[in-house]
Amino acid sequence: MTRVLTRSDLQTVLAPQAALAALRDGFREAGTVAVPGRRVRTDLPFPGTATALVPGLLPGIDAYTVKVNAKFPAARPALRGVVCLHSGADGELLALLDSATVTAWRTGLAAALGTALLAPAGSGVLGVIGAGAQAELTLRGLTGERRPRRLVVHDTDAGRAAAFADRHGGRVLASPGAVAEAADVVLLATWSRAPLLALAATRPGQHFTSLGTDEPGKRELAPDLLDAALLVVDDGELAATMGVLADPALVRSTADTTLTDILSGTHPGRTSAGQRTVYAPVGLPWQDLALSWLAWREAERRGVGSTIDLLG
């Protein structure tokens, strides 16, 4: 039998702290898997793109994931798809999970890990540019992970920005530049294809987490800021082919380090109070497995979701 987990099912069985722990362990262990994960992306003859992430693998989990997403920026929600969780023993389809929810959780919470590791000590103000589901999960993940005391937010949708600020006790600002001026830590989670912040709009010591760098052509930070900062990614090769390093205007061609290196202690991360830092992940297949496995096991234990027999 295959368990089907909808968005509401996943919100029932997933808990931020357990998901954070699974992602933290995954960053430490994913490099030991012999089969590398792949991202396959294609434009469509419609106003969107299709992306597949395969296989999601982690040591100690006898299962793998295949994720297929459709991304249509003008739609609401803009991301739609499914994560297939398969048994590693015989390929049985254990679960079908809503990919928009899995993606928001794993992207937002992984961003919380990177932000907490690289943010300057004593950060007082968090700035959010793009008040969607990923930013929501990052804020939830930052609880207890050096979450700044105050919040400022900007979104091209003024109503969404206001609702986000109301939920989290923040205030709305008129532009990305105003957010950067006010904040010590800036989270960008947009679909932008033109840089929203350049070096001149920032100051020494700030940290930036850029989540809108998961496809070719998407840009949130200008080349001069990326060249000047300590640049941390989740995967160097994918960042170069389709992520933050794919911008031809960059002087640099490689990142300084990965989040895995910082978590494992092989790179120190931020080394001075005045250093600008950037975390710009692409998003990796094993992250889908980490959260899908967690959700499926909890759903099996609690009987959440529905089951179907696809072979019947």
C-alpha atoms as a PDB file:
ATOM      1  CA  MET A   1       0.000   0.000   0.000  1.00  0.00           C
ATOM      2  CA  THR A   2       1.097   3.556  -0.747  1.00  0.00           C
ATOM      3  CA  ARG A   3       0.435   6.295   1.813  1.00  0.00           C
ATOM      4  CA  VAL A   4      -0.676   9.629   0.336  1.00  0.00           C
ATOM      5  CA  LEU A   5       0.294  12.683   2.387  1.00  0.00           C
ATOM      6  CA  THR A   6      -1.291  16.012   1.496  1.00  0.00           C
ATOM      7  CA  ARG A   7      -0.152  19.436   2.649  1.00  0.00           C
ATOM      8  CA  SER A   8      -2.368  19.295   5.740  1.00  0.00           C
ATOM      9  CA  ASP A   9      -1.171  15.761   6.518  1.00  0.00           C
ATOM     10  CA  LEU A  10       2.451  16.876   6.333  1.00  0.00           C
ATOM     11  CA  GLN A  11       1.782  19.879   8.536  1.00  0.00           C
ATOM     12  CA  THR A  12       0.261  17.479  11.067  1.00  0.00           C
ATOM     13  CA  VAL A  13       3.192  15.055  11.237  1.00  0.00           C
ATOM     14  CA  LEU A  14       6.206  17.351  10.746  1.00  0.00           C
ATOM     15  CA  ALA A  15       7.735  19.304  13.629  1.00  0.00           C
ATOM     16  CA  PRO A  16      10.398  21.980  13.031  1.00  0.00           C
ATOM     17  CA  GLN A  17      12.901  20.788  15.621  1.00  0.00           C
ATOM     18  CA  ALA A  18      12.794  17.143  14.472  1.00  0.00           C
ATOM     19  CA  ALA A  19      13.098  18.254  10.840  1.00  0.00           C
ATOM     20  CA  LEU A  20      16.026  20.528  11.704  1.00  0.00           C
ATOM     21  CA  ALA A  21      17.799  17.638  13.401  1.00  0.00           C
ATOM     22  CA  ALA A  22      17.258  15.402  10.355  1.00  0.00           C
ATOM     23  CA  LEU A  23      18.652  18.067   8.023  1.00  0.00           C
ATOM     24  CA  ARG A  24      21.636  18.781  10.267  1.00  0.00           C
ATOM     25  CA  ASP A  25      22.502  15.084  10.338  1.00  0.00           C
ATOM     26  CA  GLY A  26      22.020  14.881   6.587  1.00  0.00           C
ATOM     27  CA  PHE A  27      24.466  17.684   5.866  1.00  0.00           C
ATOM     28  CA  ARG A  28      27.069  15.855   7.916  1.00  0.00           C
ATOM     29  CA  GLU A  29      26.488  12.460   6.265  1.00  0.00           C
ATOM     30  CA  ALA A  30      25.339  13.034   2.684  1.00  0.00           C
ATOM     31  CA  GLY A  31      28.876  13.208   1.302  1.00  0.00           C
ATOM     32  CA  THR A  32      29.449   9.533   2.139  1.00  0.00           C
ATOM     33  CA  VAL A  33      26.769   8.317  -0.317  1.00  0.00           C
ATOM     34  CA  ALA A  34      28.357   6.727  -3.395  1.00  0.00           C
ATOM     35  CA  VAL A  35      25.588   7.764  -5.826  1.00  0.00           C
ATOM     36  CA  PRO A  36      25.403  11.552  -6.303  1.00  0.00           C
ATOM     37  CA  GLY A  37      22.082  13.317  -6.484  1.00  0.00           C
ATOM     38  CA  ARG A  38      21.039  14.973  -9.730  1.00  0.00           C
ATOM     39  CA  ARG A  39      18.805  17.885 -10.693  1.00  0.00           C
ATOM     40  CA  VAL A  40      17.230  17.837 -14.151  1.00  0.00           C
ATOM     41  CA  ARG A  41      15.458  20.969 -15.316  1.00  0.00           C
ATOM     42  CA  THR A  42      13.739  21.906 -18.552  1.00  0.00           C
ATOM     43  CA  ASP A  43      11.754  24.830 -19.918  1.00  0.00           C
ATOM     44  CA  LEU A  44       8.255  23.960 -21.082  1.00  0.00           C
ATOM     45  CA  PRO A  45       6.137  25.154 -24.019  1.00  0.00           C
ATOM     46  CA  PHE A  46       3.936  26.707 -21.336  1.00  0.00           C
ATOM     47  CA  PRO A  47       4.739  29.576 -18.913  1.00  0.00           C
ATOM     48  CA  GLY A  48       6.710  27.349 -16.532  1.00  0.00           C
ATOM     49  CA  THR A  49       9.506  24.858 -15.966  1.00  0.00           C
ATOM     50  CA  ALA A  50       9.776  21.228 -14.895  1.00  0.00           C
ATOM     51  CA  THR A  51      12.401  19.982 -12.439  1.00  0.00           C
ATOM     52  CA  ALA A  52      13.229  16.485 -11.212  1.00  0.00           C
ATOM     53  CA  LEU A  53      15.521  15.641  -8.279  1.00  0.00           C
ATOM     54  CA  VAL A  54      16.795  12.066  -8.132  1.00  0.00           C
ATOM     55  CA  PRO A  55      17.834  10.031  -6.218  1.00  0.00           C
ATOM     56  CA  GLY A  56      17.455  11.278  -2.657  1.00  0.00           C
ATOM     57  CA  LEU A  57      19.781   9.043  -0.641  1.00  0.00           C
ATOM     58  CA  LEU A  58      21.190   9.094   2.891  1.00  0.00           C
ATOM     59  CA  PRO A  59      23.276   6.575   4.874  1.00  0.00           C
ATOM     60  CA  GLY A  60      21.174   4.443   7.190  1.00  0.00           C
ATOM     61  CA  ILE A  61      17.873   4.973   5.351  1.00  0.00           C
ATOM     62  CA  ASP A  62      16.775   2.018   3.236  1.00  0.00           C
ATOM     63  CA  ALA A  63      14.740   4.165   0.856  1.00  0.00           C
ATOM     64  CA  TYR A  64      15.143   6.822  -1.800  1.00  0.00           C
ATOM     65  CA  THR A  65      13.117   9.703  -3.231  1.00  0.00           C
ATOM     66  CA  VAL A  66      12.286  10.987  -6.686  1.00  0.00           C
ATOM     67  CA  LYS A  67      10.766  14.480  -6.822  1.00  0.00           C
ATOM     68  CA  VAL A  68       9.044  16.058  -9.810  1.00  0.00           C
ATOM     69  CA  ASN A  69       8.027  19.713  -9.662  1.00  0.00           C
ATOM     70  CA  ALA A  70       6.198  22.062 -11.976  1.00  0.00           C
ATOM     71  CA  LYS A  71       7.093  25.730 -11.423  1.00  0.00           C
ATOM     72  CA  PHE A  72       4.668  28.292 -12.836  1.00  0.00           C
ATOM     73  CA  PRO A  73       5.542  31.709 -11.324  1.00  0.00           C
ATOM     74  CA  ALA A  74       2.158  33.296 -12.082  1.00  0.00           C
ATOM     75  CA  ALA A  75       0.183  30.470 -10.450  1.00  0.00           C
ATOM     76  CA  ARG A  76      -0.826  30.220  -6.802  1.00  0.00           C
ATOM     77  CA  PRO A  77       0.790  28.106  -5.533  1.00  0.00           C
ATOM     78  CA  ALA A  78       3.653  28.522  -7.978  1.00  0.00           C
ATOM     79  CA  LEU A  79       5.179  25.136  -7.138  1.00  0.00           C
ATOM     80  CA  ARG A  80       3.211  21.909  -7.632  1.00  0.00           C
ATOM     81  CA  GLY A  81       4.341  18.329  -7.740  1.00  0.00           C
ATOM     82  CA  VAL A  82       4.960  15.121  -5.869  1.00  0.00           C
ATOM     83  CA  VAL A  83       7.713  13.374  -3.956  1.00  0.00           C
ATOM     84  CA  CYS A  84       7.805   9.598  -4.451  1.00  0.00           C
ATOM     85  CA  LEU A  85       9.302   7.691  -1.520  1.00  0.00           C
ATOM     86  CA  HIS A  86      10.456   4.220  -2.609  1.00  0.00           C
ATOM     87  CA  SER A  87      11.733   1.270  -0.597  1.00  0.00           C
ATOM     88  CA  GLY A  88      15.394   0.571  -1.201  1.00  0.00           C
ATOM     89  CA  ALA A  89      14.775  -3.150  -0.781  1.00  0.00           C
ATOM     90  CA  ASP A  90      12.346  -3.734  -3.640  1.00  0.00           C
ATOM     91  CA  GLY A  91      11.294  -0.350  -5.046  1.00  0.00           C
ATOM     92  CA  GLU A  92       7.866  -0.420  -3.408  1.00  0.00           C
ATOM     93  CA  LEU A  93       6.227   3.023  -3.534  1.00  0.00           C
ATOM     94  CA  LEU A  94       5.885   3.719   0.176  1.00  0.00           C
ATOM     95  CA  ALA A  95       4.422   7.204  -0.078  1.00  0.00           C
ATOM     96  CA  LEU A  96       3.345  10.046  -2.346  1.00  0.00           C
ATOM     97  CA  LEU A  97       3.908  13.416  -0.682  1.00  0.00           C
ATOM     98  CA  ASP A  98       2.959  16.962  -1.682  1.00  0.00           C
ATOM     99  CA  SER A  99       6.228  18.376  -3.004  1.00  0.00           C
ATOM    100  CA  ALA A 100       5.381  22.036  -2.358  1.00  0.00           C
ATOM    101  CA  THR A 101       5.181  21.358   1.377  1.00  0.00           C
ATOM    102  CA  VAL A 102       8.261  19.129   1.493  1.00  0.00           C
ATOM    103  CA  THR A 103      10.237  21.695  -0.520  1.00  0.00           C
ATOM    104  CA  ALA A 104       9.166  24.642   1.628  1.00  0.00           C
ATOM    105  CA  TRP A 105      10.062  22.786   4.829  1.00  0.00           C
ATOM    106  CA  ARG A 106      13.429  21.452   3.741  1.00  0.00           C
ATOM    107  CA  THR A 107      14.462  24.701   2.000  1.00  0.00           C
ATOM    108  CA  GLY A 108      13.312  26.988   4.778  1.00  0.00           C
ATOM    109  CA  LEU A 109      14.761  24.920   7.605  1.00  0.00           C
ATOM    110  CA  ALA A 110      18.075  24.316   5.807  1.00  0.00           C
ATOM    111  CA  ALA A 111      18.201  28.084   5.354  1.00  0.00           C
ATOM    112  CA  ALA A 112      17.708  28.457   9.096  1.00  0.00           C
ATOM    113  CA  LEU A 113      20.743  26.221   9.691  1.00  0.00           C
ATOM    114  CA  GLY A 114      22.926  28.224   7.306  1.00  0.00           C
ATOM    115  CA  THR A 115      21.695  31.535   8.672  1.00  0.00           C
ATOM    116  CA  ALA A 116      22.316  30.551  12.286  1.00  0.00           C
ATOM    117  CA  LEU A 117      25.858  29.360  11.496  1.00  0.00           C
ATOM    118  CA  LEU A 118      26.879  32.478   9.573  1.00  0.00           C
ATOM    119  CA  ALA A 119      24.939  35.330  11.179  1.00  0.00           C
ATOM    120  CA  PRO A 120      26.988  37.876  13.126  1.00  0.00           C
ATOM    121  CA  ALA A 121      26.976  37.503  16.893  1.00  0.00           C
ATOM    122  CA  GLY A 122      24.299  39.548  18.593  1.00  0.00           C
ATOM    123  CA  SER A 123      22.202  40.080  15.468  1.00  0.00           C
ATOM    124  CA  GLY A 124      19.325  42.367  16.376  1.00  0.00           C
ATOM    125  CA  VAL A 125      17.263  42.734  13.204  1.00  0.00           C
ATOM    126  CA  LEU A 126      16.237  40.114  10.644  1.00  0.00           C
ATOM    127  CA  GLY A 127      15.179  41.373   7.238  1.00  0.00           C
ATOM    128  CA  VAL A 128      12.935  39.297   4.955  1.00  0.00           C
ATOM    129  CA  ILE A 129      12.605  39.993   1.236  1.00  0.00           C
ATOM    130  CA  GLY A 130       9.918  37.721  -0.158  1.00  0.00           C
ATOM    131  CA  ALA A 131       7.298  36.783   2.452  1.00  0.00           C
ATOM    132  CA  GLY A 132       6.309  33.324   1.208  1.00  0.00           C
ATOM    133  CA  ALA A 133       6.273  29.796   2.592  1.00  0.00           C
ATOM    134  CA  GLN A 134      10.056  29.354   2.597  1.00  0.00           C
ATOM    135  CA  ALA A 135      10.595  32.534   4.623  1.00  0.00           C
ATOM    136  CA  GLU A 136       7.889  31.370   7.023  1.00  0.00           C
ATOM    137  CA  LEU A 137       9.698  28.093   7.658  1.00  0.00           C
ATOM    138  CA  THR A 138      13.066  29.811   8.026  1.00  0.00           C
ATOM    139  CA  LEU A 139      11.654  31.965  10.807  1.00  0.00           C
ATOM    140  CA  ARG A 140      10.226  28.892  12.516  1.00  0.00           C
ATOM    141  CA  GLY A 141      13.593  27.179  12.240  1.00  0.00           C
ATOM    142  CA  LEU A 142      15.413  30.169  13.681  1.00  0.00           C
ATOM    143  CA  THR A 143      13.567  29.823  16.974  1.00  0.00           C
ATOM    144  CA  GLY A 144      16.374  28.881  19.312  1.00  0.00           C
ATOM    145  CA  GLU A 145      18.889  29.163  16.428  1.00  0.00           C
ATOM    146  CA  ARG A 146      20.062  32.724  17.169  1.00  0.00           C
ATOM    147  CA  ARG A 147      16.840  34.298  15.961  1.00  0.00           C
ATOM    148  CA  PRO A 148      17.170  38.111  15.835  1.00  0.00           C
ATOM    149  CA  ARG A 149      14.943  40.088  18.132  1.00  0.00           C
ATOM    150  CA  ARG A 150      13.219  42.304  15.525  1.00  0.00           C
ATOM    151  CA  LEU A 151      11.859  41.795  12.023  1.00  0.00           C
ATOM    152  CA  VAL A 152      11.479  43.962   8.935  1.00  0.00           C
ATOM    153  CA  VAL A 153       9.883  42.685   5.730  1.00  0.00           C
ATOM    154  CA  HIS A 154       9.340  43.610   2.095  1.00  0.00           C
ATOM    155  CA  ASP A 155       7.362  41.841  -0.624  1.00  0.00           C
ATOM    156  CA  THR A 156       6.128  42.954  -4.040  1.00  0.00           C
ATOM    157  CA  ASP A 157       2.681  41.944  -2.741  1.00  0.00           C
ATOM    158  CA  ALA A 158       1.998  44.570  -0.083  1.00  0.00           C
ATOM    159  CA  GLY A 159      -0.823  42.547   1.461  1.00  0.00           C
ATOM    160  CA  ARG A 160       1.344  39.482   1.865  1.00  0.00           C
ATOM    161  CA  ALA A 161       4.106  41.578   3.438  1.00  0.00           C
ATOM    162  CA  ALA A 162       1.643  43.117   5.897  1.00  0.00           C
ATOM    163  CA  ALA A 163       0.202  39.731   6.851  1.00  0.00           C
ATOM    164  CA  PHE A 164       3.685  38.289   7.373  1.00  0.00           C
ATOM    165  CA  ALA A 165       4.675  41.263   9.557  1.00  0.00           C
ATOM    166  CA  ASP A 166       1.490  40.938  11.589  1.00  0.00           C
ATOM    167  CA  ARG A 167       2.057  37.223  12.222  1.00  0.00           C
ATOM    168  CA  HIS A 168       5.624  37.757  13.416  1.00  0.00           C
ATOM    169  CA  GLY A 169       5.504  41.158  15.093  1.00  0.00           C
ATOM    170  CA  GLY A 170       7.514  42.934  12.401  1.00  0.00           C
ATOM    171  CA  ARG A 171       7.123  46.039  10.259  1.00  0.00           C
ATOM    172  CA  VAL A 172       6.874  46.485   6.510  1.00  0.00           C
ATOM    173  CA  LEU A 173       9.480  48.454   4.566  1.00  0.00           C
ATOM    174  CA  ALA A 174       9.121  49.896   1.089  1.00  0.00           C
ATOM    175  CA  SER A 175      12.055  48.298  -0.746  1.00  0.00           C
ATOM    176  CA  PRO A 176      14.801  45.654  -0.603  1.00  0.00           C
ATOM    177  CA  GLY A 177      17.322  48.455  -0.037  1.00  0.00           C
ATOM    178  CA  ALA A 178      15.415  49.665   3.011  1.00  0.00           C
ATOM    179  CA  VAL A 179      15.455  46.130   4.410  1.00  0.00           C
ATOM    180  CA  ALA A 180      19.224  45.850   3.909  1.00  0.00           C
ATOM    181  CA  GLU A 181      19.749  49.227   5.567  1.00  0.00           C
ATOM    182  CA  ALA A 182      17.774  48.202   8.654  1.00  0.00           C
ATOM    183  CA  ALA A 183      18.816  44.555   9.100  1.00  0.00           C
ATOM    184  CA  ASP A 184      21.854  42.659  10.372  1.00  0.00           C
ATOM    185  CA  VAL A 185      20.712  39.449   8.663  1.00  0.00           C
ATOM    186  CA  VAL A 186      18.767  39.424   5.384  1.00  0.00           C
ATOM    187  CA  LEU A 187      16.774  36.468   4.038  1.00  0.00           C
ATOM    188  CA  LEU A 188      15.826  36.644   0.351  1.00  0.00           C
ATOM    189  CA  ALA A 189      13.229  34.167  -0.922  1.00  0.00           C
ATOM    190  CA  THR A 190      11.974  35.447  -4.272  1.00  0.00           C
ATOM    191  CA  TRP A 191      11.648  34.556  -7.963  1.00  0.00           C
ATOM    192  CA  SER A 192      13.727  37.569  -9.004  1.00  0.00           C
ATOM    193  CA  ARG A 193      15.766  37.481 -12.220  1.00  0.00           C
ATOM    194  CA  ALA A 194      17.435  40.826 -11.542  1.00  0.00           C
ATOM    195  CA  PRO A 195      19.627  41.488  -8.468  1.00  0.00           C
ATOM    196  CA  LEU A 196      17.754  43.051  -5.580  1.00  0.00           C
ATOM    197  CA  LEU A 197      20.823  44.087  -3.558  1.00  0.00           C
ATOM    198  CA  ALA A 198      24.301  45.206  -4.625  1.00  0.00           C
ATOM    199  CA  LEU A 199      27.414  45.730  -2.535  1.00  0.00           C
ATOM    200  CA  ALA A 200      26.748  49.457  -2.116  1.00  0.00           C
ATOM    201  CA  ALA A 201      23.403  48.712  -0.438  1.00  0.00           C
ATOM    202  CA  THR A 202      25.072  46.621   2.287  1.00  0.00           C
ATOM    203  CA  ARG A 203      27.525  47.164   5.111  1.00  0.00           C
ATOM    204  CA  PRO A 204      30.383  45.102   6.580  1.00  0.00           C
ATOM    205  CA  GLY A 205      29.345  42.323   8.935  1.00  0.00           C
ATOM    206  CA  GLN A 206      25.953  41.574   7.416  1.00  0.00           C
ATOM    207  CA  HIS A 207      24.795  38.091   6.487  1.00  0.00           C
ATOM    208  CA  PHE A 208      22.583  37.244   3.496  1.00  0.00           C
ATOM    209  CA  THR A 209      20.746  33.980   2.838  1.00  0.00           C
ATOM    210  CA  SER A 210      19.601  33.823  -0.783  1.00  0.00           C
ATOM    211  CA  LEU A 211      17.056  31.108  -1.585  1.00  0.00           C
ATOM    212  CA  GLY A 212      16.162  32.305  -5.078  1.00  0.00           C
ATOM    213  CA  THR A 213      19.246  30.829  -6.755  1.00  0.00           C
ATOM    214  CA  ASP A 214      17.979  27.350  -7.566  1.00  0.00           C
ATOM    215  CA  GLU A 215      17.572  27.779 -11.330  1.00  0.00           C
ATOM    216  CA  PRO A 216      19.630  29.345 -14.133  1.00  0.00           C
ATOM    217  CA  GLY A 217      18.781  32.998 -14.554  1.00  0.00           C
ATOM    218  CA  LYS A 218      17.404  33.616 -11.076  1.00  0.00           C
ATOM    219  CA  ARG A 219      19.361  36.349  -9.281  1.00  0.00           C
ATOM    220  CA  GLU A 220      18.857  38.046  -5.913  1.00  0.00           C
ATOM    221  CA  LEU A 221      22.353  39.385  -5.098  1.00  0.00           C
ATOM    222  CA  ALA A 222      24.550  41.374  -7.469  1.00  0.00           C
ATOM    223  CA  PRO A 223      27.929  40.012  -8.632  1.00  0.00           C
ATOM    224  CA  ASP A 224      29.945  42.632  -6.712  1.00  0.00           C
ATOM    225  CA  LEU A 225      28.329  41.553  -3.425  1.00  0.00           C
ATOM    226  CA  LEU A 226      28.879  37.849  -4.156  1.00  0.00           C
ATOM    227  CA  ASP A 227      32.508  38.509  -5.114  1.00  0.00           C
ATOM    228  CA  ALA A 228      33.140  40.449  -1.886  1.00  0.00           C
ATOM    229  CA  ALA A 229      31.492  38.037   0.564  1.00  0.00           C
ATOM    230  CA  LEU A 230      32.405  34.719   2.126  1.00  0.00           C
ATOM    231  CA  LEU A 231      30.223  32.583  -0.159  1.00  0.00           C
ATOM    232  CA  VAL A 232      28.805  29.331   1.218  1.00  0.00           C
ATOM    233  CA  VAL A 233      26.745  26.875  -0.867  1.00  0.00           C
ATOM    234  CA  ASP A 234      25.206  23.449  -0.332  1.00  0.00           C
ATOM    235  CA  ASP A 235      26.868  21.847  -3.392  1.00  0.00           C
ATOM    236  CA  GLY A 236      29.747  23.414  -5.299  1.00  0.00           C
ATOM    237  CA  GLU A 237      29.111  21.661  -8.619  1.00  0.00           C
ATOM    238  CA  LEU A 238      25.392  22.415  -8.739  1.00  0.00           C
ATOM    239  CA  ALA A 239      25.992  26.009  -7.652  1.00  0.00           C
ATOM    240  CA  ALA A 240      28.325  26.403 -10.637  1.00  0.00           C
ATOM    241  CA  THR A 241      26.022  24.824 -13.213  1.00  0.00           C
ATOM    242  CA  MET A 242      22.611  26.157 -12.197  1.00  0.00           C
ATOM    243  CA  GLY A 243      22.934  28.141  -8.971  1.00  0.00           C
ATOM    244  CA  VAL A 244      24.558  31.286  -7.658  1.00  0.00           C
ATOM    245  CA  LEU A 245      27.893  30.743  -9.466  1.00  0.00           C
ATOM    246  CA  ALA A 246      26.281  30.394 -12.892  1.00  0.00           C
ATOM    247  CA  ASP A 247      26.125  34.192 -13.317  1.00  0.00           C
ATOM    248  CA  PRO A 248      28.649  35.049 -16.087  1.00  0.00           C
ATOM    249  CA  ALA A 249      29.184  38.508 -14.571  1.00  0.00           C
ATOM    250  CA  LEU A 250      30.876  37.024 -11.493  1.00  0.00           C
ATOM    251  CA  VAL A 251      34.644  37.363 -11.123  1.00  0.00           C
ATOM    252  CA  ARG A 252      34.800  34.308  -8.872  1.00  0.00           C
ATOM    253  CA  SER A 253      34.138  30.826 -10.231  1.00  0.00           C
ATOM    254  CA  THR A 254      33.989  28.824  -6.993  1.00  0.00           C
ATOM    255  CA  ALA A 255      32.402  29.144  -3.578  1.00  0.00           C
ATOM    256  CA  ASP A 256      34.528  29.511  -0.460  1.00  0.00           C
ATOM    257  CA  THR A 257      33.042  26.481   1.258  1.00  0.00           C
ATOM    258  CA  THR A 258      29.922  24.397   1.802  1.00  0.00           C
ATOM    259  CA  LEU A 259      27.516  24.189   4.703  1.00  0.00           C
ATOM    260  CA  THR A 260      28.661  20.588   5.208  1.00  0.00           C
ATOM    261  CA  ASP A 261      32.259  21.766   5.739  1.00  0.00           C
ATOM    262  CA  ILE A 262      31.149  24.304   8.340  1.00  0.00           C
ATOM    263  CA  LEU A 263      28.933  21.809  10.203  1.00  0.00           C
ATOM    264  CA  SER A 264      31.720  19.212  10.212  1.00  0.00           C
ATOM    265  CA  GLY A 265      34.276  21.748  11.456  1.00  0.00           C
ATOM    266  CA  THR A 266      36.583  21.581   8.424  1.00  0.00           C
ATOM    267  CA  HIS A 267      35.882  25.262   7.657  1.00  0.00           C
ATOM    268  CA  PRO A 268      35.448  27.948  10.332  1.00  0.00           C
ATOM    269  CA  GLY A 269      32.712  29.903   8.561  1.00  0.00           C
ATOM    270  CA  ARG A 270      32.619  33.547   9.586  1.00  0.00           C
ATOM    271  CA  THR A 271      36.065  34.608  10.824  1.00  0.00           C
ATOM    272  CA  SER A 272      35.547  38.285  11.690  1.00  0.00           C
ATOM    273  CA  ALA A 273      32.814  40.642  12.824  1.00  0.00           C
ATOM    274  CA  GLY A 274      33.218  42.793   9.722  1.00  0.00           C
ATOM    275  CA  GLN A 275      33.014  39.983   7.187  1.00  0.00           C
ATOM    276  CA  ARG A 276      30.044  39.880   4.803  1.00  0.00           C
ATOM    277  CA  THR A 277      28.695  36.339   4.431  1.00  0.00           C
ATOM    278  CA  VAL A 278      26.284  34.755   1.943  1.00  0.00           C
ATOM    279  CA  TYR A 279      24.565  31.374   2.024  1.00  0.00           C
ATOM    280  CA  ALA A 280      23.131  30.537  -1.405  1.00  0.00           C
ATOM    281  CA  PRO A 281      21.856  26.940  -1.659  1.00  0.00           C
ATOM    282  CA  VAL A 282      20.481  25.151  -4.708  1.00  0.00           C
ATOM    283  CA  GLY A 283      18.578  22.439  -2.805  1.00  0.00           C
ATOM    284  CA  LEU A 284      19.636  18.784  -2.853  1.00  0.00           C
ATOM    285  CA  PRO A 285      17.792  15.483  -3.405  1.00  0.00           C
ATOM    286  CA  TRP A 286      18.834  13.997  -0.065  1.00  0.00           C
ATOM    287  CA  GLN A 287      16.983  16.814   1.709  1.00  0.00           C
ATOM    288  CA  ASP A 288      13.730  15.549   0.188  1.00  0.00           C
ATOM    289  CA  LEU A 289      14.486  12.095   1.575  1.00  0.00           C
ATOM    290  CA  ALA A 290      15.359  13.387   5.036  1.00  0.00           C
ATOM    291  CA  LEU A 291      11.957  15.042   5.473  1.00  0.00           C
ATOM    292  CA  SER A 292       9.900  12.515   3.493  1.00  0.00           C
ATOM    293  CA  TRP A 293      11.264   9.614   5.549  1.00  0.00           C
ATOM    294  CA  LEU A 294      10.584  11.514   8.769  1.00  0.00           C
ATOM    295  CA  ALA A 295       7.036  12.368   7.671  1.00  0.00           C
ATOM    296  CA  TRP A 296       6.211   8.877   6.380  1.00  0.00           C
ATOM    297  CA  ARG A 297       7.371   7.109   9.531  1.00  0.00           C
ATOM    298  CA  GLU A 298       5.387   9.475  11.750  1.00  0.00           C
ATOM    299  CA  ALA A 299       2.326   9.160   9.488  1.00  0.00           C
ATOM    300  CA  GLU A 300       2.575   5.365   9.637  1.00  0.00           C
ATOM    301  CA  ARG A 301       2.812   5.491  13.421  1.00  0.00           C
ATOM    302  CA  ARG A 302      -0.165   7.835  13.791  1.00  0.00           C
ATOM    303  CA  GLY A 303      -2.287   6.639  10.877  1.00  0.00           C
ATOM    304  CA  VAL A 304      -2.263  10.056   9.187  1.00  0.00           C
ATOM    305  CA  GLY A 305      -3.125  10.320   5.491  1.00  0.00           C
ATOM    306  CA  SER A 306      -4.845   7.886   3.187  1.00  0.00           C
ATOM    307  CA  THR A 307      -3.608   4.678   1.584  1.00  0.00           C
ATOM    308  CA  ILE A 308      -4.096   3.374  -1.954  1.00  0.00           C
ATOM    309  CA  ASP A 309      -3.134   0.225  -3.789  1.00  0.00           C
ATOM    310  CA  LEU A 310      -1.635   1.422  -7.076  1.00  0.00           C
ATOM    311  CA  LEU A 311      -1.124  -2.170  -8.200  1.00  0.00           C
ATOM    312  CA  GLY A 312      -4.678  -3.236  -7.431  1.00  0.00           C
END
